[in-house]
Amino acid sequence: MPSKVSIQPLEEPVSRSEAKAWLKVDNTADDDLIDSLIIAARMAVEDYTNLKLISQTIEETFNCFPDHLRLLHSPLISVTSVEYKATAADYTVLDASGYTAHTYQKPPVLSAAYSTSWPEVIDFTEAVKVTYVAGVSADATGVPDLFKNAIKKVLTDWYEKRGENVKRLPTDVEWMLNIHRVIFW
């Protein structure tokens, strides 16, 4: 189930000015570094929780149609398209009436529509491609403070330990995020 973000969020949950206030930085010398650490910290929080914080468009591929397509990223906002390869030619778009998106389930799941089955696909590594939008909020104002604080704590840790090999999130951040973590079964 490889996936990639095809459209990145338009803004970050934590702005540069919020980050600098949190870090108590009052000069512009590290602005580029702080900007990159904000993005990296957001991505680390997203990876740990399996949640996208601000809406992003994702392309995820599967080798076949299993009973249920379990998507990697939550919460599911909408499904843009489900495409499949019935032949070696280009992908065929499955009509939206051919599947049901279970948007409240974490991780989100797609299943064939009631009384139907998935179409046949060729034996191909990426025979099925799902494009969808996932995110807690459309913009930074809707991201809960818990996630913003987690990003700021990770940002602080990485900013203060520049040059050190940081291998995991700070323990207090993991504790903060564990209740929101989406676990795959």
N, C-alpha and C. Protein backbone atom coordinates (compact mmCIF):
# COMPACT_ATOMS: atom_id res chain seq x y z
N MET A 1 0.81 -1.18 0.00
CA MET A 1 0.00 0.00 0.00
C MET A 1 0.87 1.26 0.00
N PRO A 2 1.71 1.42 -0.99
CA PRO A 2 2.49 2.66 -1.02
C PRO A 2 1.57 3.86 -1.20
N SER A 3 1.94 4.96 -0.59
CA SER A 3 1.17 6.19 -0.76
C SER A 3 2.11 7.37 -0.89
N LYS A 4 1.59 8.41 -1.51
CA LYS A 4 2.34 9.65 -1.61
C LYS A 4 1.37 10.81 -1.55
N VAL A 5 1.84 11.91 -0.99
CA VAL A 5 1.03 13.12 -0.93
C VAL A 5 1.23 13.83 -2.26
N SER A 6 0.15 13.98 -3.02
CA SER A 6 0.26 14.64 -4.32
C SER A 6 -0.01 16.14 -4.22
N ILE A 7 -0.79 16.56 -3.24
CA ILE A 7 -1.01 17.99 -2.99
C ILE A 7 -0.76 18.24 -1.51
N GLN A 8 0.30 18.99 -1.22
CA GLN A 8 0.69 19.31 0.16
C GLN A 8 -0.30 20.29 0.78
N PRO A 9 -0.31 20.40 2.12
CA PRO A 9 -1.16 21.39 2.75
C PRO A 9 -0.75 22.81 2.33
N LEU A 10 -1.72 23.70 2.27
CA LEU A 10 -1.45 25.07 1.85
C LEU A 10 -0.81 25.91 2.94
N GLU A 11 -0.91 25.45 4.18
CA GLU A 11 -0.29 26.14 5.30
C GLU A 11 0.07 25.12 6.36
N GLU A 12 0.84 25.55 7.32
CA GLU A 12 1.24 24.66 8.42
C GLU A 12 0.38 24.97 9.66
N PRO A 13 0.16 23.96 10.52
CA PRO A 13 -0.64 24.19 11.73
C PRO A 13 -0.02 25.22 12.67
N VAL A 14 1.32 25.35 12.63
CA VAL A 14 2.04 26.30 13.47
C VAL A 14 2.75 27.27 12.53
N SER A 15 2.50 28.56 12.71
CA SER A 15 3.15 29.57 11.86
C SER A 15 4.57 29.84 12.36
N ARG A 16 5.34 30.50 11.52
CA ARG A 16 6.70 30.87 11.92
C ARG A 16 6.66 31.77 13.15
N SER A 17 5.75 32.74 13.19
CA SER A 17 5.70 33.65 14.34
C SER A 17 5.32 32.91 15.62
N GLU A 18 4.40 31.94 15.53
CA GLU A 18 4.07 31.13 16.71
C GLU A 18 5.28 30.32 17.17
N ALA A 19 5.98 29.73 16.20
CA ALA A 19 7.14 28.91 16.53
C ALA A 19 8.24 29.75 17.17
N LYS A 20 8.50 30.92 16.61
CA LYS A 20 9.54 31.78 17.16
C LYS A 20 9.18 32.26 18.56
N ALA A 21 7.90 32.55 18.80
CA ALA A 21 7.47 32.96 20.14
C ALA A 21 7.67 31.80 21.11
N TRP A 22 7.33 30.59 20.69
CA TRP A 22 7.49 29.40 21.53
C TRP A 22 8.96 29.15 21.85
N LEU A 23 9.82 29.33 20.82
CA LEU A 23 11.25 29.09 20.98
C LEU A 23 11.98 30.27 21.63
N LYS A 24 11.28 31.39 21.77
CA LYS A 24 11.87 32.63 22.31
C LYS A 24 13.02 33.11 21.43
N VAL A 25 12.79 33.07 20.11
CA VAL A 25 13.75 33.56 19.13
C VAL A 25 13.24 34.90 18.61
N ASP A 26 14.06 35.94 18.69
CA ASP A 26 13.60 37.26 18.27
C ASP A 26 14.40 37.85 17.11
N ASN A 27 15.19 37.01 16.42
CA ASN A 27 15.92 37.49 15.25
C ASN A 27 15.49 36.68 14.02
N THR A 28 15.98 37.05 12.86
CA THR A 28 15.58 36.37 11.62
C THR A 28 16.64 35.40 11.10
N ALA A 29 17.73 35.25 11.80
CA ALA A 29 18.85 34.43 11.32
C ALA A 29 18.45 32.97 11.07
N ASP A 30 17.55 32.44 11.88
CA ASP A 30 17.17 31.03 11.76
C ASP A 30 15.79 30.82 11.12
N ASP A 31 15.25 31.82 10.46
CA ASP A 31 13.90 31.70 9.90
C ASP A 31 13.76 30.51 8.94
N ASP A 32 14.71 30.32 8.04
CA ASP A 32 14.62 29.20 7.10
C ASP A 32 14.69 27.86 7.83
N LEU A 33 15.58 27.78 8.81
CA LEU A 33 15.68 26.56 9.61
C LEU A 33 14.37 26.29 10.35
N ILE A 34 13.82 27.31 10.97
CA ILE A 34 12.56 27.15 11.72
C ILE A 34 11.44 26.73 10.78
N ASP A 35 11.36 27.33 9.59
CA ASP A 35 10.33 26.93 8.61
C ASP A 35 10.45 25.45 8.27
N SER A 36 11.67 24.99 8.02
CA SER A 36 11.85 23.58 7.65
C SER A 36 11.57 22.65 8.83
N LEU A 37 11.92 23.08 10.03
CA LEU A 37 11.63 22.26 11.21
C LEU A 37 10.14 22.18 11.51
N ILE A 38 9.39 23.24 11.21
CA ILE A 38 7.93 23.21 11.38
C ILE A 38 7.34 22.12 10.49
N ILE A 39 7.76 22.10 9.23
CA ILE A 39 7.25 21.09 8.28
C ILE A 39 7.64 19.69 8.75
N ALA A 40 8.91 19.52 9.12
CA ALA A 40 9.38 18.20 9.56
C ALA A 40 8.66 17.75 10.83
N ALA A 41 8.43 18.67 11.76
CA ALA A 41 7.75 18.32 13.00
C ALA A 41 6.30 17.93 12.73
N ARG A 42 5.63 18.67 11.83
CA ARG A 42 4.25 18.31 11.47
C ARG A 42 4.22 16.92 10.85
N MET A 43 5.15 16.65 9.95
CA MET A 43 5.19 15.34 9.30
C MET A 43 5.48 14.23 10.31
N ALA A 44 6.34 14.49 11.29
CA ALA A 44 6.64 13.49 12.32
C ALA A 44 5.41 13.20 13.17
N VAL A 45 4.66 14.24 13.53
CA VAL A 45 3.42 14.05 14.30
C VAL A 45 2.41 13.28 13.46
N GLU A 46 2.30 13.61 12.18
CA GLU A 46 1.37 12.90 11.30
C GLU A 46 1.78 11.43 11.15
N ASP A 47 3.07 11.17 10.97
CA ASP A 47 3.53 9.79 10.83
C ASP A 47 3.27 8.98 12.10
N TYR A 48 3.49 9.61 13.25
CA TYR A 48 3.29 8.90 14.52
C TYR A 48 1.82 8.57 14.75
N THR A 49 0.94 9.51 14.42
CA THR A 49 -0.49 9.31 14.70
C THR A 49 -1.25 8.66 13.55
N ASN A 50 -0.67 8.65 12.36
CA ASN A 50 -1.36 8.22 11.14
C ASN A 50 -2.56 9.12 10.84
N LEU A 51 -2.46 10.37 11.24
CA LEU A 51 -3.47 11.39 10.95
C LEU A 51 -2.82 12.49 10.11
N LYS A 52 -3.55 12.98 9.14
CA LYS A 52 -3.11 14.18 8.42
C LYS A 52 -3.78 15.35 9.14
N LEU A 53 -2.99 16.35 9.51
CA LEU A 53 -3.52 17.45 10.31
C LEU A 53 -4.25 18.49 9.47
N ILE A 54 -3.69 18.85 8.34
CA ILE A 54 -4.33 19.80 7.42
C ILE A 54 -4.55 19.06 6.11
N SER A 55 -5.73 19.29 5.47
CA SER A 55 -6.10 18.52 4.29
C SER A 55 -5.01 18.44 3.25
N GLN A 56 -4.84 17.21 2.79
CA GLN A 56 -3.83 16.88 1.79
C GLN A 56 -4.42 15.84 0.84
N THR A 57 -4.04 15.93 -0.43
CA THR A 57 -4.49 14.93 -1.40
C THR A 57 -3.44 13.83 -1.46
N ILE A 58 -3.93 12.59 -1.37
CA ILE A 58 -3.03 11.43 -1.28
C ILE A 58 -3.37 10.44 -2.39
N GLU A 59 -2.35 9.87 -2.99
CA GLU A 59 -2.52 8.75 -3.93
C GLU A 59 -1.96 7.51 -3.27
N GLU A 60 -2.78 6.48 -3.19
CA GLU A 60 -2.37 5.23 -2.57
C GLU A 60 -2.66 4.09 -3.53
N THR A 61 -1.71 3.15 -3.64
CA THR A 61 -1.89 2.05 -4.59
C THR A 61 -1.98 0.71 -3.87
N PHE A 62 -2.64 -0.21 -4.54
CA PHE A 62 -2.84 -1.58 -4.03
C PHE A 62 -2.59 -2.55 -5.18
N ASN A 63 -2.22 -3.77 -4.85
CA ASN A 63 -1.97 -4.78 -5.88
C ASN A 63 -3.25 -5.41 -6.41
N CYS A 64 -4.32 -5.31 -5.65
CA CYS A 64 -5.60 -5.92 -6.04
C CYS A 64 -6.71 -5.23 -5.25
N PHE A 65 -7.93 -5.68 -5.49
CA PHE A 65 -9.06 -5.24 -4.67
C PHE A 65 -9.29 -6.29 -3.59
N PRO A 66 -8.86 -6.04 -2.34
CA PRO A 66 -9.22 -6.97 -1.26
C PRO A 66 -10.69 -6.74 -0.90
N ASP A 67 -11.20 -7.46 0.07
CA ASP A 67 -12.59 -7.22 0.48
C ASP A 67 -12.82 -5.76 0.81
N HIS A 68 -11.88 -5.18 1.55
CA HIS A 68 -11.96 -3.77 1.93
C HIS A 68 -10.62 -3.11 1.65
N LEU A 69 -10.66 -1.93 1.08
CA LEU A 69 -9.43 -1.16 0.87
C LEU A 69 -9.21 -0.31 2.12
N ARG A 70 -8.22 -0.66 2.90
CA ARG A 70 -7.90 0.06 4.13
C ARG A 70 -6.88 1.15 3.79
N LEU A 71 -7.30 2.40 3.90
CA LEU A 71 -6.43 3.52 3.55
C LEU A 71 -5.50 3.86 4.70
N LEU A 72 -4.33 4.35 4.37
CA LEU A 72 -3.30 4.61 5.39
C LEU A 72 -3.54 5.87 6.21
N HIS A 73 -4.19 6.86 5.63
CA HIS A 73 -4.24 8.17 6.27
C HIS A 73 -5.65 8.56 6.69
N SER A 74 -5.78 9.06 7.90
CA SER A 74 -7.04 9.47 8.49
C SER A 74 -6.96 10.95 8.83
N PRO A 75 -8.07 11.58 9.10
CA PRO A 75 -9.44 11.18 8.78
C PRO A 75 -9.73 11.43 7.29
N LEU A 76 -10.54 10.57 6.74
CA LEU A 76 -10.90 10.67 5.33
C LEU A 76 -11.93 11.78 5.16
N ILE A 77 -11.62 12.73 4.28
CA ILE A 77 -12.57 13.81 3.98
C ILE A 77 -13.40 13.43 2.77
N SER A 78 -12.73 12.99 1.70
CA SER A 78 -13.45 12.61 0.48
C SER A 78 -12.57 11.72 -0.39
N VAL A 79 -13.22 10.98 -1.26
CA VAL A 79 -12.51 10.16 -2.25
C VAL A 79 -12.63 10.88 -3.58
N THR A 80 -11.50 11.17 -4.18
CA THR A 80 -11.47 11.85 -5.47
C THR A 80 -11.71 10.85 -6.60
N SER A 81 -11.01 9.71 -6.53
CA SER A 81 -11.21 8.68 -7.56
C SER A 81 -10.67 7.34 -7.10
N VAL A 82 -11.26 6.29 -7.66
CA VAL A 82 -10.74 4.93 -7.53
C VAL A 82 -10.51 4.46 -8.96
N GLU A 83 -9.26 4.10 -9.26
CA GLU A 83 -8.91 3.67 -10.60
C GLU A 83 -8.32 2.26 -10.53
N TYR A 84 -8.49 1.51 -11.63
CA TYR A 84 -7.97 0.14 -11.64
C TYR A 84 -7.52 -0.21 -13.04
N LYS A 85 -6.68 -1.25 -13.11
CA LYS A 85 -6.19 -1.74 -14.39
C LYS A 85 -6.86 -3.09 -14.69
N ALA A 86 -7.77 -3.07 -15.64
CA ALA A 86 -8.40 -4.31 -16.09
C ALA A 86 -7.56 -4.95 -17.18
N THR A 87 -6.77 -4.12 -17.85
CA THR A 87 -5.84 -4.57 -18.89
C THR A 87 -4.53 -3.83 -18.67
N ALA A 88 -3.55 -4.12 -19.50
CA ALA A 88 -2.25 -3.45 -19.37
C ALA A 88 -2.32 -1.99 -19.82
N ALA A 89 -3.44 -1.59 -20.39
CA ALA A 89 -3.61 -0.20 -20.84
C ALA A 89 -3.75 0.72 -19.64
N ASP A 90 -4.19 1.92 -19.89
CA ASP A 90 -4.34 2.92 -18.83
C ASP A 90 -5.35 2.49 -17.79
N TYR A 91 -5.34 3.22 -16.68
CA TYR A 91 -6.30 2.99 -15.60
C TYR A 91 -7.72 3.31 -16.07
N THR A 92 -8.68 2.58 -15.51
CA THR A 92 -10.10 2.84 -15.72
C THR A 92 -10.65 3.42 -14.43
N VAL A 93 -11.43 4.47 -14.53
CA VAL A 93 -12.01 5.10 -13.33
C VAL A 93 -13.28 4.34 -12.95
N LEU A 94 -13.34 3.93 -11.69
CA LEU A 94 -14.53 3.25 -11.17
C LEU A 94 -15.54 4.32 -10.79
N ASP A 95 -16.77 4.16 -11.26
CA ASP A 95 -17.83 5.11 -10.92
C ASP A 95 -18.02 5.14 -9.41
N ALA A 96 -18.29 6.32 -8.87
CA ALA A 96 -18.44 6.49 -7.42
C ALA A 96 -19.57 5.65 -6.85
N SER A 97 -20.53 5.26 -7.68
CA SER A 97 -21.62 4.40 -7.20
C SER A 97 -21.15 2.97 -6.99
N GLY A 98 -19.92 2.65 -7.42
CA GLY A 98 -19.40 1.30 -7.30
C GLY A 98 -18.71 1.00 -5.97
N TYR A 99 -18.62 1.99 -5.09
CA TYR A 99 -17.96 1.77 -3.80
C TYR A 99 -18.59 2.65 -2.72
N THR A 100 -18.33 2.26 -1.50
CA THR A 100 -18.77 3.03 -0.34
C THR A 100 -17.55 3.44 0.46
N ALA A 101 -17.49 4.72 0.82
CA ALA A 101 -16.39 5.23 1.64
C ALA A 101 -16.88 5.32 3.08
N HIS A 102 -16.20 4.63 3.96
CA HIS A 102 -16.54 4.66 5.39
C HIS A 102 -15.67 5.74 6.03
N THR A 103 -16.15 6.98 5.99
CA THR A 103 -15.34 8.14 6.36
C THR A 103 -15.11 8.26 7.86
N TYR A 104 -15.98 7.68 8.68
CA TYR A 104 -15.81 7.83 10.12
C TYR A 104 -14.92 6.75 10.72
N GLN A 105 -14.59 5.76 9.96
CA GLN A 105 -13.76 4.67 10.46
C GLN A 105 -12.29 5.09 10.41
N LYS A 106 -11.54 4.70 11.41
CA LYS A 106 -10.10 4.98 11.45
C LYS A 106 -9.37 3.68 11.64
N PRO A 107 -8.53 3.26 10.71
CA PRO A 107 -8.27 3.89 9.43
C PRO A 107 -9.49 3.79 8.51
N PRO A 108 -9.61 4.75 7.57
CA PRO A 108 -10.76 4.73 6.67
C PRO A 108 -10.73 3.52 5.75
N VAL A 109 -11.93 3.11 5.35
CA VAL A 109 -12.07 1.91 4.54
C VAL A 109 -12.99 2.20 3.35
N LEU A 110 -12.66 1.61 2.20
CA LEU A 110 -13.55 1.61 1.05
C LEU A 110 -13.99 0.18 0.83
N SER A 111 -15.27 0.01 0.54
CA SER A 111 -15.78 -1.33 0.22
C SER A 111 -16.62 -1.24 -1.03
N ALA A 112 -16.76 -2.36 -1.70
CA ALA A 112 -17.62 -2.39 -2.89
C ALA A 112 -19.04 -2.02 -2.46
N ALA A 113 -19.75 -1.34 -3.34
CA ALA A 113 -21.12 -0.93 -3.03
C ALA A 113 -21.98 -2.16 -2.71
N TYR A 114 -23.03 -1.95 -1.95
CA TYR A 114 -23.93 -3.02 -1.53
C TYR A 114 -24.39 -3.83 -2.75
N SER A 115 -24.34 -5.14 -2.64
CA SER A 115 -24.77 -6.09 -3.67
C SER A 115 -23.91 -6.03 -4.94
N THR A 116 -22.70 -5.50 -4.82
CA THR A 116 -21.79 -5.51 -5.97
C THR A 116 -20.46 -6.08 -5.51
N SER A 117 -19.57 -6.27 -6.46
CA SER A 117 -18.22 -6.70 -6.11
C SER A 117 -17.24 -5.81 -6.88
N TRP A 118 -16.00 -5.85 -6.43
CA TRP A 118 -14.98 -5.07 -7.11
C TRP A 118 -14.76 -5.62 -8.51
N PRO A 119 -14.34 -4.79 -9.45
CA PRO A 119 -14.03 -5.31 -10.79
C PRO A 119 -12.75 -6.15 -10.78
N GLU A 120 -12.61 -6.99 -11.78
CA GLU A 120 -11.40 -7.79 -11.94
C GLU A 120 -10.25 -6.89 -12.37
N VAL A 121 -9.06 -7.18 -11.84
CA VAL A 121 -7.87 -6.41 -12.22
C VAL A 121 -6.78 -7.36 -12.68
N ILE A 122 -5.84 -6.82 -13.44
CA ILE A 122 -4.72 -7.64 -13.89
C ILE A 122 -3.75 -7.85 -12.73
N ASP A 123 -2.90 -8.83 -12.88
CA ASP A 123 -1.85 -9.10 -11.88
C ASP A 123 -0.74 -8.08 -12.11
N PHE A 124 -0.82 -7.00 -11.34
CA PHE A 124 0.07 -5.85 -11.54
C PHE A 124 0.35 -5.23 -10.18
N THR A 125 1.56 -4.74 -9.98
CA THR A 125 1.96 -4.21 -8.68
C THR A 125 1.07 -3.07 -8.20
N GLU A 126 0.67 -2.20 -9.08
CA GLU A 126 -0.18 -1.07 -8.69
C GLU A 126 -1.48 -1.12 -9.49
N ALA A 127 -2.20 -2.21 -9.36
CA ALA A 127 -3.40 -2.43 -10.16
C ALA A 127 -4.56 -1.53 -9.73
N VAL A 128 -4.53 -1.06 -8.50
CA VAL A 128 -5.61 -0.21 -7.99
C VAL A 128 -4.98 1.07 -7.44
N LYS A 129 -5.56 2.21 -7.80
CA LYS A 129 -5.05 3.50 -7.31
C LYS A 129 -6.23 4.30 -6.75
N VAL A 130 -6.10 4.71 -5.49
CA VAL A 130 -7.13 5.51 -4.84
C VAL A 130 -6.54 6.90 -4.57
N THR A 131 -7.24 7.91 -5.02
CA THR A 131 -6.86 9.30 -4.75
C THR A 131 -7.90 9.87 -3.80
N TYR A 132 -7.43 10.42 -2.68
CA TYR A 132 -8.38 10.92 -1.68
C TYR A 132 -7.81 12.09 -0.91
N VAL A 133 -8.69 12.77 -0.20
CA VAL A 133 -8.29 13.91 0.63
C VAL A 133 -8.49 13.50 2.08
N ALA A 134 -7.44 13.71 2.89
CA ALA A 134 -7.50 13.39 4.31
C ALA A 134 -7.01 14.60 5.09
N GLY A 135 -7.57 14.79 6.28
CA GLY A 135 -7.10 15.88 7.12
C GLY A 135 -8.05 16.16 8.26
N VAL A 136 -7.50 16.57 9.38
CA VAL A 136 -8.29 16.95 10.55
C VAL A 136 -9.03 18.25 10.25
N SER A 137 -8.38 19.16 9.50
CA SER A 137 -8.96 20.47 9.22
C SER A 137 -8.48 20.97 7.86
N ALA A 138 -9.26 21.88 7.28
CA ALA A 138 -8.87 22.48 6.01
C ALA A 138 -7.79 23.54 6.19
N ASP A 139 -7.69 24.09 7.40
CA ASP A 139 -6.68 25.12 7.65
C ASP A 139 -6.19 25.04 9.09
N ALA A 140 -5.21 25.87 9.41
CA ALA A 140 -4.55 25.82 10.72
C ALA A 140 -5.51 26.12 11.87
N THR A 141 -6.51 26.94 11.63
CA THR A 141 -7.41 27.33 12.73
C THR A 141 -8.21 26.16 13.27
N GLY A 142 -8.41 25.13 12.46
CA GLY A 142 -9.19 23.98 12.91
C GLY A 142 -8.38 22.85 13.52
N VAL A 143 -7.07 22.99 13.54
CA VAL A 143 -6.21 21.94 14.12
C VAL A 143 -6.24 22.10 15.63
N PRO A 144 -6.61 21.06 16.37
CA PRO A 144 -6.66 21.17 17.84
C PRO A 144 -5.31 21.56 18.45
N ASP A 145 -5.38 22.31 19.53
CA ASP A 145 -4.17 22.80 20.21
C ASP A 145 -3.23 21.68 20.63
N LEU A 146 -3.78 20.52 20.98
CA LEU A 146 -2.93 19.39 21.39
C LEU A 146 -1.91 19.07 20.30
N PHE A 147 -2.35 19.04 19.05
CA PHE A 147 -1.45 18.73 17.94
C PHE A 147 -0.47 19.88 17.70
N LYS A 148 -0.94 21.12 17.83
CA LYS A 148 -0.05 22.27 17.66
C LYS A 148 1.02 22.26 18.75
N ASN A 149 0.63 21.96 19.98
CA ASN A 149 1.61 21.89 21.06
C ASN A 149 2.61 20.76 20.85
N ALA A 150 2.14 19.64 20.33
CA ALA A 150 3.04 18.52 20.04
C ALA A 150 4.07 18.94 18.99
N ILE A 151 3.61 19.65 17.96
CA ILE A 151 4.53 20.14 16.92
C ILE A 151 5.55 21.08 17.54
N LYS A 152 5.09 21.99 18.40
CA LYS A 152 6.01 22.95 19.04
C LYS A 152 7.03 22.24 19.92
N LYS A 153 6.61 21.20 20.63
CA LYS A 153 7.54 20.46 21.49
C LYS A 153 8.59 19.73 20.65
N VAL A 154 8.17 19.11 19.55
CA VAL A 154 9.12 18.44 18.66
C VAL A 154 10.06 19.48 18.05
N LEU A 155 9.51 20.59 17.61
CA LEU A 155 10.30 21.68 17.05
C LEU A 155 11.36 22.16 18.04
N THR A 156 10.97 22.33 19.29
CA THR A 156 11.91 22.77 20.33
C THR A 156 13.03 21.74 20.50
N ASP A 157 12.65 20.48 20.58
CA ASP A 157 13.64 19.42 20.77
C ASP A 157 14.65 19.42 19.62
N TRP A 158 14.16 19.50 18.40
CA TRP A 158 15.04 19.45 17.25
C TRP A 158 15.85 20.74 17.10
N TYR A 159 15.26 21.87 17.42
CA TYR A 159 15.97 23.15 17.32
C TYR A 159 17.12 23.20 18.32
N GLU A 160 16.85 22.74 19.52
CA GLU A 160 17.88 22.78 20.57
C GLU A 160 18.94 21.70 20.41
N LYS A 161 18.61 20.61 19.73
CA LYS A 161 19.57 19.50 19.57
C LYS A 161 20.08 19.41 18.13
N ARG A 162 20.23 20.54 17.48
CA ARG A 162 20.74 20.54 16.11
C ARG A 162 22.07 19.81 16.06
N GLY A 163 22.22 18.99 15.06
CA GLY A 163 23.48 18.27 14.91
C GLY A 163 23.51 16.93 15.62
N GLU A 164 22.58 16.72 16.55
CA GLU A 164 22.52 15.42 17.23
C GLU A 164 21.64 14.48 16.43
N ASN A 165 21.82 13.21 16.62
CA ASN A 165 21.03 12.21 15.93
C ASN A 165 19.76 11.94 16.74
N VAL A 166 18.63 12.54 16.33
CA VAL A 166 17.36 12.36 17.03
C VAL A 166 16.60 11.24 16.32
N LYS A 167 16.30 10.17 17.06
CA LYS A 167 15.72 8.99 16.44
C LYS A 167 14.23 8.81 16.70
N ARG A 168 13.68 9.54 17.66
CA ARG A 168 12.26 9.37 17.95
C ARG A 168 11.71 10.66 18.52
N LEU A 169 10.40 10.70 18.65
CA LEU A 169 9.75 11.86 19.24
C LEU A 169 10.06 11.91 20.73
N PRO A 170 10.05 13.10 21.31
CA PRO A 170 10.20 13.17 22.77
C PRO A 170 9.09 12.37 23.47
N THR A 171 9.43 11.75 24.56
CA THR A 171 8.48 10.88 25.27
C THR A 171 7.19 11.59 25.65
N ASP A 172 7.28 12.85 26.10
CA ASP A 172 6.07 13.56 26.49
C ASP A 172 5.16 13.80 25.28
N VAL A 173 5.74 13.96 24.11
CA VAL A 173 4.94 14.14 22.89
C VAL A 173 4.23 12.83 22.56
N GLU A 174 4.95 11.71 22.67
CA GLU A 174 4.30 10.42 22.42
C GLU A 174 3.13 10.21 23.37
N TRP A 175 3.32 10.56 24.64
CA TRP A 175 2.22 10.42 25.61
C TRP A 175 1.03 11.30 25.22
N MET A 176 1.30 12.51 24.77
CA MET A 176 0.23 13.42 24.34
C MET A 176 -0.56 12.84 23.17
N LEU A 177 0.16 12.21 22.24
CA LEU A 177 -0.45 11.79 20.98
C LEU A 177 -1.02 10.38 21.01
N ASN A 178 -0.62 9.56 21.98
CA ASN A 178 -1.03 8.14 21.97
C ASN A 178 -2.54 7.95 21.90
N ILE A 179 -3.30 8.77 22.56
CA ILE A 179 -4.76 8.61 22.57
C ILE A 179 -5.36 8.86 21.19
N HIS A 180 -4.66 9.63 20.34
CA HIS A 180 -5.17 9.96 19.01
C HIS A 180 -4.56 9.11 17.91
N ARG A 181 -3.68 8.22 18.28
CA ARG A 181 -2.96 7.41 17.30
C ARG A 181 -3.89 6.39 16.65
N VAL A 182 -3.85 6.33 15.33
CA VAL A 182 -4.64 5.35 14.58
C VAL A 182 -3.78 4.11 14.38
N ILE A 183 -4.24 3.02 14.91
CA ILE A 183 -3.50 1.75 14.86
C ILE A 183 -4.11 0.86 13.77
N PHE A 184 -3.25 0.24 12.98
CA PHE A 184 -3.72 -0.66 11.93
C PHE A 184 -3.77 -2.08 12.48
N TRP A 185 -4.74 -2.83 12.04
CA TRP A 185 -4.86 -4.21 12.48
C TRP A 185 -4.69 -5.15 11.32
